[in-house]
Amino acid sequence: EFSPEQVAEMHLAHSALSGGRPFGLLVAKIHSYTYSFAAQRQIFAHQNLVALAYYAPDPPQRFAIRSLLQVSKASVRYPLEVFTSRDEALAWLRAQLGPEPS
């Protein structure tokens, strides 16, 4: 089970990897894991996250994501979609982010 402290660690890693710039995230929900209620409330709250694509190929995984979103929907301030195809998820995410800076 993910704790609020682990979510905070993930947010720090995302900030370091993005260099503090806005970023999109692809989450491959191919394994089963849970979040504490407190962690669920902050999982989507990263300040530089501008788009989130979930890749969830199986119905139980999509159900788990939709349940998490119901609890956390107040903290989602950016486009978020759930996909059954990883390629479609990546294409959508790239479209949300626009062209790469040169």
N, C-alpha and C. Protein backbone atom coordinates (compact mmCIF):
# COMPACT_ATOMS: atom_id res chain seq x y z
N GLU A 1 0.84 -1.18 0.00
CA GLU A 1 0.00 0.00 0.00
C GLU A 1 0.89 1.25 0.00
N PHE A 2 0.60 2.16 -0.94
CA PHE A 2 1.34 3.42 -1.00
C PHE A 2 0.90 4.34 0.14
N SER A 3 1.86 4.95 0.80
CA SER A 3 1.60 5.89 1.88
C SER A 3 1.76 7.32 1.36
N PRO A 4 1.30 8.33 2.11
CA PRO A 4 1.52 9.72 1.69
C PRO A 4 3.01 10.05 1.53
N GLU A 5 3.84 9.44 2.37
CA GLU A 5 5.28 9.69 2.27
C GLU A 5 5.84 9.15 0.96
N GLN A 6 5.37 7.99 0.53
CA GLN A 6 5.83 7.43 -0.74
C GLN A 6 5.33 8.27 -1.93
N VAL A 7 4.12 8.78 -1.83
CA VAL A 7 3.62 9.67 -2.88
C VAL A 7 4.48 10.93 -2.94
N ALA A 8 4.85 11.48 -1.78
CA ALA A 8 5.72 12.65 -1.75
C ALA A 8 7.08 12.34 -2.39
N GLU A 9 7.62 11.15 -2.15
CA GLU A 9 8.88 10.74 -2.78
C GLU A 9 8.72 10.65 -4.30
N MET A 10 7.59 10.13 -4.77
CA MET A 10 7.34 10.07 -6.22
C MET A 10 7.29 11.48 -6.80
N HIS A 11 6.63 12.39 -6.09
CA HIS A 11 6.55 13.77 -6.58
C HIS A 11 7.93 14.42 -6.65
N LEU A 12 8.78 14.16 -5.67
CA LEU A 12 10.15 14.69 -5.71
C LEU A 12 10.92 14.13 -6.90
N ALA A 13 10.76 12.84 -7.17
CA ALA A 13 11.44 12.22 -8.31
C ALA A 13 10.94 12.82 -9.62
N HIS A 14 9.63 13.02 -9.75
CA HIS A 14 9.08 13.63 -10.97
C HIS A 14 9.64 15.03 -11.16
N SER A 15 9.74 15.80 -10.08
CA SER A 15 10.29 17.16 -10.17
C SER A 15 11.74 17.13 -10.63
N ALA A 16 12.51 16.20 -10.08
CA ALA A 16 13.93 16.11 -10.45
C ALA A 16 14.07 15.70 -11.91
N LEU A 17 13.29 14.72 -12.34
CA LEU A 17 13.39 14.24 -13.73
C LEU A 17 12.93 15.28 -14.74
N SER A 18 11.95 16.08 -14.36
CA SER A 18 11.43 17.08 -15.30
C SER A 18 12.20 18.39 -15.25
N GLY A 19 13.12 18.50 -14.32
CA GLY A 19 13.87 19.74 -14.19
C GLY A 19 12.99 20.90 -13.75
N GLY A 20 11.89 20.59 -13.08
CA GLY A 20 10.98 21.63 -12.63
C GLY A 20 10.03 22.15 -13.71
N ARG A 21 10.12 21.56 -14.91
CA ARG A 21 9.24 21.98 -16.01
C ARG A 21 7.94 21.19 -15.98
N PRO A 22 6.88 21.73 -16.59
CA PRO A 22 5.64 20.96 -16.70
C PRO A 22 5.89 19.65 -17.45
N PHE A 23 5.16 18.61 -17.07
CA PHE A 23 5.37 17.30 -17.68
C PHE A 23 4.06 16.52 -17.74
N GLY A 24 4.03 15.54 -18.62
CA GLY A 24 2.94 14.58 -18.70
C GLY A 24 3.44 13.25 -18.16
N LEU A 25 2.50 12.40 -17.77
CA LEU A 25 2.88 11.14 -17.15
C LEU A 25 2.02 10.02 -17.71
N LEU A 26 2.68 8.92 -18.07
CA LEU A 26 2.00 7.70 -18.46
C LEU A 26 2.12 6.71 -17.31
N VAL A 27 0.99 6.27 -16.79
CA VAL A 27 0.97 5.28 -15.71
C VAL A 27 0.47 3.97 -16.30
N ALA A 28 1.32 2.96 -16.25
CA ALA A 28 0.95 1.64 -16.75
C ALA A 28 0.40 0.84 -15.58
N LYS A 29 -0.91 0.72 -15.53
CA LYS A 29 -1.57 0.00 -14.42
C LYS A 29 -1.66 -1.47 -14.80
N ILE A 30 -0.51 -2.14 -14.75
CA ILE A 30 -0.48 -3.55 -15.12
C ILE A 30 -0.25 -4.46 -13.91
N HIS A 31 0.02 -3.86 -12.75
CA HIS A 31 0.18 -4.63 -11.51
C HIS A 31 -0.84 -4.11 -10.50
N SER A 32 -1.16 -4.93 -9.55
CA SER A 32 -2.12 -4.55 -8.53
C SER A 32 -1.39 -3.90 -7.36
N TYR A 33 -1.84 -2.73 -6.96
CA TYR A 33 -1.33 -2.07 -5.77
C TYR A 33 -2.41 -1.14 -5.25
N THR A 34 -2.28 -0.75 -3.99
CA THR A 34 -3.29 0.08 -3.35
C THR A 34 -2.64 1.33 -2.76
N TYR A 35 -3.50 2.28 -2.40
CA TYR A 35 -3.07 3.53 -1.79
C TYR A 35 -3.85 3.71 -0.49
N SER A 36 -3.19 4.25 0.52
CA SER A 36 -3.94 4.64 1.72
C SER A 36 -4.87 5.78 1.32
N PHE A 37 -5.89 6.05 2.12
CA PHE A 37 -6.83 7.12 1.79
C PHE A 37 -6.10 8.45 1.66
N ALA A 38 -5.18 8.73 2.58
CA ALA A 38 -4.43 9.99 2.53
C ALA A 38 -3.58 10.07 1.26
N ALA A 39 -2.99 8.96 0.85
CA ALA A 39 -2.19 8.95 -0.38
C ALA A 39 -3.07 9.17 -1.60
N GLN A 40 -4.27 8.59 -1.59
CA GLN A 40 -5.19 8.78 -2.71
C GLN A 40 -5.53 10.25 -2.90
N ARG A 41 -5.63 10.99 -1.81
CA ARG A 41 -6.01 12.39 -1.88
C ARG A 41 -4.90 13.26 -2.49
N GLN A 42 -3.65 12.81 -2.44
CA GLN A 42 -2.56 13.66 -2.94
C GLN A 42 -1.87 13.11 -4.18
N ILE A 43 -2.25 11.94 -4.65
CA ILE A 43 -1.53 11.30 -5.76
C ILE A 43 -1.54 12.15 -7.02
N PHE A 44 -2.61 12.88 -7.27
CA PHE A 44 -2.74 13.65 -8.51
C PHE A 44 -2.37 15.13 -8.34
N ALA A 45 -1.80 15.50 -7.21
CA ALA A 45 -1.63 16.91 -6.88
C ALA A 45 -0.27 17.52 -7.25
N HIS A 46 0.54 16.88 -8.05
CA HIS A 46 1.85 17.46 -8.39
C HIS A 46 1.65 18.76 -9.16
N GLN A 47 2.35 19.80 -8.74
CA GLN A 47 2.13 21.13 -9.32
C GLN A 47 2.54 21.26 -10.78
N ASN A 48 3.47 20.44 -11.27
CA ASN A 48 3.93 20.56 -12.65
C ASN A 48 3.32 19.54 -13.60
N LEU A 49 2.44 18.69 -13.09
CA LEU A 49 1.79 17.70 -13.93
C LEU A 49 0.70 18.37 -14.76
N VAL A 50 0.80 18.22 -16.09
CA VAL A 50 -0.15 18.90 -16.98
C VAL A 50 -1.04 17.93 -17.75
N ALA A 51 -0.74 16.64 -17.75
CA ALA A 51 -1.57 15.64 -18.41
C ALA A 51 -1.18 14.26 -17.88
N LEU A 52 -2.20 13.40 -17.74
CA LEU A 52 -1.96 12.07 -17.20
C LEU A 52 -2.71 11.05 -18.04
N ALA A 53 -1.98 10.05 -18.53
CA ALA A 53 -2.58 8.97 -19.31
C ALA A 53 -2.38 7.67 -18.53
N TYR A 54 -3.46 6.96 -18.30
CA TYR A 54 -3.41 5.65 -17.66
C TYR A 54 -3.54 4.58 -18.72
N TYR A 55 -2.62 3.64 -18.73
CA TYR A 55 -2.70 2.46 -19.58
C TYR A 55 -3.18 1.32 -18.69
N ALA A 56 -4.39 0.86 -18.95
CA ALA A 56 -5.00 -0.19 -18.15
C ALA A 56 -5.66 -1.19 -19.09
N PRO A 57 -4.96 -2.26 -19.48
CA PRO A 57 -5.48 -3.16 -20.49
C PRO A 57 -6.64 -4.05 -20.04
N ASP A 58 -6.80 -4.26 -18.74
CA ASP A 58 -7.81 -5.19 -18.25
C ASP A 58 -8.93 -4.47 -17.48
N PRO A 59 -10.16 -4.98 -17.57
CA PRO A 59 -11.29 -4.34 -16.87
C PRO A 59 -11.07 -4.13 -15.36
N PRO A 60 -10.50 -5.09 -14.61
CA PRO A 60 -10.31 -4.83 -13.18
C PRO A 60 -9.37 -3.64 -12.92
N GLN A 61 -8.37 -3.47 -13.78
CA GLN A 61 -7.45 -2.35 -13.62
C GLN A 61 -8.17 -1.03 -13.91
N ARG A 62 -9.00 -1.01 -14.94
CA ARG A 62 -9.75 0.21 -15.26
C ARG A 62 -10.73 0.54 -14.13
N PHE A 63 -11.34 -0.48 -13.55
CA PHE A 63 -12.24 -0.26 -12.41
C PHE A 63 -11.48 0.37 -11.24
N ALA A 64 -10.29 -0.15 -10.95
CA ALA A 64 -9.48 0.38 -9.85
C ALA A 64 -9.12 1.84 -10.09
N ILE A 65 -8.77 2.18 -11.32
CA ILE A 65 -8.42 3.56 -11.65
C ILE A 65 -9.63 4.46 -11.49
N ARG A 66 -10.76 4.03 -12.01
CA ARG A 66 -11.98 4.87 -11.90
C ARG A 66 -12.37 5.07 -10.44
N SER A 67 -12.18 4.06 -9.62
CA SER A 67 -12.46 4.19 -8.18
C SER A 67 -11.53 5.22 -7.54
N LEU A 68 -10.25 5.15 -7.89
CA LEU A 68 -9.28 6.12 -7.38
C LEU A 68 -9.64 7.52 -7.82
N LEU A 69 -10.07 7.67 -9.07
CA LEU A 69 -10.44 8.99 -9.58
C LEU A 69 -11.66 9.56 -8.86
N GLN A 70 -12.60 8.71 -8.50
CA GLN A 70 -13.79 9.19 -7.78
C GLN A 70 -13.39 9.81 -6.45
N VAL A 71 -12.42 9.22 -5.78
CA VAL A 71 -11.96 9.73 -4.50
C VAL A 71 -11.14 11.01 -4.68
N SER A 72 -10.40 11.09 -5.77
CA SER A 72 -9.41 12.16 -5.95
C SER A 72 -9.81 13.23 -6.95
N LYS A 73 -11.02 13.18 -7.50
CA LYS A 73 -11.36 14.06 -8.62
C LYS A 73 -11.22 15.54 -8.31
N ALA A 74 -11.36 15.95 -7.07
CA ALA A 74 -11.23 17.37 -6.74
C ALA A 74 -9.80 17.88 -6.94
N SER A 75 -8.81 16.99 -6.86
CA SER A 75 -7.42 17.43 -7.00
C SER A 75 -6.89 17.31 -8.42
N VAL A 76 -7.69 16.81 -9.36
CA VAL A 76 -7.24 16.66 -10.75
C VAL A 76 -7.58 17.95 -11.50
N ARG A 77 -6.53 18.69 -11.91
CA ARG A 77 -6.71 19.98 -12.57
C ARG A 77 -6.12 19.98 -13.98
N TYR A 78 -6.10 18.85 -14.64
CA TYR A 78 -5.47 18.71 -15.95
C TYR A 78 -6.17 17.58 -16.69
N PRO A 79 -5.94 17.45 -17.99
CA PRO A 79 -6.54 16.35 -18.74
C PRO A 79 -6.04 14.99 -18.24
N LEU A 80 -6.96 14.05 -18.14
CA LEU A 80 -6.65 12.70 -17.69
C LEU A 80 -7.53 11.74 -18.46
N GLU A 81 -6.91 10.70 -19.02
CA GLU A 81 -7.66 9.70 -19.79
C GLU A 81 -7.15 8.30 -19.43
N VAL A 82 -8.04 7.32 -19.61
CA VAL A 82 -7.71 5.92 -19.38
C VAL A 82 -7.76 5.20 -20.72
N PHE A 83 -6.75 4.41 -21.02
CA PHE A 83 -6.62 3.74 -22.31
C PHE A 83 -6.40 2.24 -22.14
N THR A 84 -6.84 1.47 -23.13
CA THR A 84 -6.57 0.03 -23.15
C THR A 84 -5.37 -0.28 -24.04
N SER A 85 -4.88 0.72 -24.76
CA SER A 85 -3.72 0.57 -25.63
C SER A 85 -2.61 1.52 -25.18
N ARG A 86 -1.43 0.97 -24.95
CA ARG A 86 -0.29 1.81 -24.55
C ARG A 86 0.05 2.81 -25.64
N ASP A 87 0.02 2.39 -26.90
CA ASP A 87 0.35 3.29 -28.00
C ASP A 87 -0.64 4.45 -28.09
N GLU A 88 -1.92 4.15 -27.89
CA GLU A 88 -2.92 5.23 -27.90
C GLU A 88 -2.71 6.19 -26.73
N ALA A 89 -2.35 5.64 -25.59
CA ALA A 89 -2.09 6.48 -24.41
C ALA A 89 -0.92 7.42 -24.67
N LEU A 90 0.16 6.89 -25.25
CA LEU A 90 1.32 7.73 -25.56
C LEU A 90 1.00 8.79 -26.61
N ALA A 91 0.25 8.42 -27.63
CA ALA A 91 -0.13 9.38 -28.67
C ALA A 91 -0.97 10.51 -28.08
N TRP A 92 -1.93 10.15 -27.23
CA TRP A 92 -2.77 11.17 -26.60
C TRP A 92 -1.92 12.08 -25.72
N LEU A 93 -1.01 11.49 -24.95
CA LEU A 93 -0.16 12.27 -24.06
C LEU A 93 0.71 13.24 -24.85
N ARG A 94 1.30 12.76 -25.94
CA ARG A 94 2.12 13.65 -26.79
C ARG A 94 1.28 14.80 -27.34
N ALA A 95 0.05 14.50 -27.75
CA ALA A 95 -0.83 15.56 -28.28
C ALA A 95 -1.16 16.59 -27.19
N GLN A 96 -1.33 16.14 -25.95
CA GLN A 96 -1.62 17.06 -24.85
C GLN A 96 -0.44 17.97 -24.54
N LEU A 97 0.76 17.43 -24.72
CA LEU A 97 1.97 18.18 -24.36
C LEU A 97 2.41 19.14 -25.46
N GLY A 98 1.99 18.87 -26.70
CA GLY A 98 2.40 19.74 -27.82
C GLY A 98 3.81 19.44 -28.25
N PRO A 99 4.32 20.27 -29.16
CA PRO A 99 5.67 20.01 -29.69
C PRO A 99 6.73 20.19 -28.62
N GLU A 100 7.79 19.38 -28.76
CA GLU A 100 8.92 19.49 -27.83
C GLU A 100 9.67 20.78 -28.10
N PRO A 101 10.13 21.45 -27.02
CA PRO A 101 10.92 22.67 -27.23
C PRO A 101 12.24 22.35 -27.91
N SER A 102 12.70 23.27 -28.73
CA SER A 102 13.98 23.03 -29.42
C SER A 102 15.11 23.77 -28.77
